[in-house]
Amino acid sequence: MLHPSYTEIMKKVNSDVEEGEEPVVNSRYSIVIATAKRARQLIGGDEALVKDYGQKPLSIAVEELYDGKIKIMPEDEIEEDEEEATESFE
């Protein structure tokens, strides 16, 4: 069993959201996708943002997410960032 739990991670990720705003993470699925994506980055050679102590990539990704070292961005923000990057190259 992974620690922290999904519930703890969701609370931590959504802690910066002000009242009345939509939470960044609405489901466990979002947590799973984000940690899997980060684990693939670690496997691909990215540096861990926390001490790994020989942990597996998924455990490192969970710890990074819980510690706030990585953020989950809503889809609309990702699209805006990609559009800005494209415009800067033109």
Protein backbone atom coordinates (compact mmCIF):
# COMPACT_ATOMS: atom_id res chain seq x y z
CA MET A 1 0.00 0.00 0.00
CA LEU A 2 1.31 3.40 -0.94
CA HIS A 3 1.60 6.11 1.62
CA PRO A 4 0.27 8.81 1.52
CA SER A 5 -3.23 7.75 0.52
CA TYR A 6 -5.14 9.13 -2.47
CA THR A 7 -7.28 11.19 -0.12
CA GLU A 8 -4.25 12.78 1.53
CA ILE A 9 -2.68 13.60 -1.83
CA MET A 10 -5.93 15.11 -3.14
CA LYS A 11 -6.23 17.33 -0.05
CA LYS A 12 -2.62 18.46 -0.41
CA VAL A 13 -2.90 19.21 -4.15
CA ASN A 14 -6.16 21.11 -3.69
CA SER A 15 -4.97 23.01 -0.60
CA ASP A 16 -4.07 26.13 -2.63
CA VAL A 17 -7.52 26.35 -4.23
CA GLU A 18 -9.61 29.18 -2.83
CA GLU A 19 -13.18 28.67 -1.76
CA GLY A 20 -15.57 28.76 -4.71
CA GLU A 21 -12.92 27.77 -7.26
CA GLU A 22 -12.90 24.39 -8.95
CA PRO A 23 -10.40 21.95 -7.38
CA VAL A 24 -7.37 20.97 -9.43
CA VAL A 25 -7.97 17.28 -8.73
CA ASN A 26 -11.48 15.85 -8.68
CA SER A 27 -10.73 12.14 -8.69
CA ARG A 28 -8.18 9.45 -7.94
CA TYR A 29 -7.83 9.00 -11.69
CA SER A 30 -6.12 12.41 -11.95
CA ILE A 31 -3.62 11.40 -9.27
CA VAL A 32 -2.90 8.09 -11.02
CA ILE A 33 -2.36 9.75 -14.40
CA ALA A 34 -0.09 12.47 -12.96
CA THR A 35 2.07 10.07 -10.98
CA ALA A 36 2.33 7.61 -13.87
CA LYS A 37 3.42 10.41 -16.22
CA ARG A 38 6.04 11.60 -13.74
CA ALA A 39 7.26 8.02 -13.14
CA ARG A 40 7.76 7.63 -16.92
CA GLN A 41 9.80 10.86 -16.92
CA LEU A 42 11.97 9.50 -14.11
CA ILE A 43 12.47 6.22 -15.97
CA GLY A 44 13.42 8.28 -19.02
CA GLY A 45 16.26 9.93 -17.12
CA ASP A 46 14.78 13.00 -15.40
CA GLU A 47 16.31 13.84 -12.03
CA ALA A 48 14.25 13.08 -8.94
CA LEU A 49 13.21 16.18 -7.01
CA VAL A 50 13.33 14.30 -3.69
CA LYS A 51 15.91 11.90 -2.25
CA ASP A 52 15.12 8.52 -3.75
CA TYR A 53 16.80 6.14 -1.28
CA GLY A 54 16.62 3.44 -3.96
CA GLN A 55 12.86 3.80 -4.30
CA LYS A 56 10.99 2.83 -7.44
CA PRO A 57 10.00 5.62 -9.86
CA LEU A 58 6.31 5.49 -8.92
CA SER A 59 7.09 5.90 -5.21
CA ILE A 60 9.31 8.86 -6.01
CA ALA A 61 6.57 10.41 -8.15
CA VAL A 62 4.02 10.04 -5.34
CA GLU A 63 6.40 11.66 -2.86
CA GLU A 64 7.15 14.53 -5.26
CA LEU A 65 3.45 15.18 -5.76
CA TYR A 66 2.69 15.05 -2.04
CA ASP A 67 5.63 17.35 -1.20
CA GLY A 68 4.50 19.88 -3.80
CA LYS A 69 7.63 19.44 -5.94
CA ILE A 70 5.44 18.81 -8.99
CA LYS A 71 2.04 20.28 -9.77
CA ILE A 72 -0.99 19.01 -11.62
CA MET A 73 -2.15 21.64 -14.09
CA PRO A 74 -5.70 21.81 -15.42
CA GLU A 75 -5.97 20.95 -19.13
CA ASP A 76 -6.86 24.52 -20.17
CA GLU A 77 -3.66 25.86 -18.59
CA ILE A 78 -1.57 23.25 -20.39
CA GLU A 79 -3.11 24.26 -23.73
CA GLU A 80 -2.45 27.96 -22.99
CA ASP A 81 1.20 27.21 -22.14
CA GLU A 82 1.61 25.25 -25.38
CA GLU A 83 0.05 28.09 -27.42
CA GLU A 84 2.37 30.66 -25.79
CA ALA A 85 5.39 28.48 -26.51
CA THR A 86 4.34 28.14 -30.15
CA GLU A 87 3.80 31.89 -30.52
CA SER A 88 7.25 32.66 -29.11
CA PHE A 89 8.88 30.57 -31.85
CA GLU A 90 7.11 32.33 -34.70
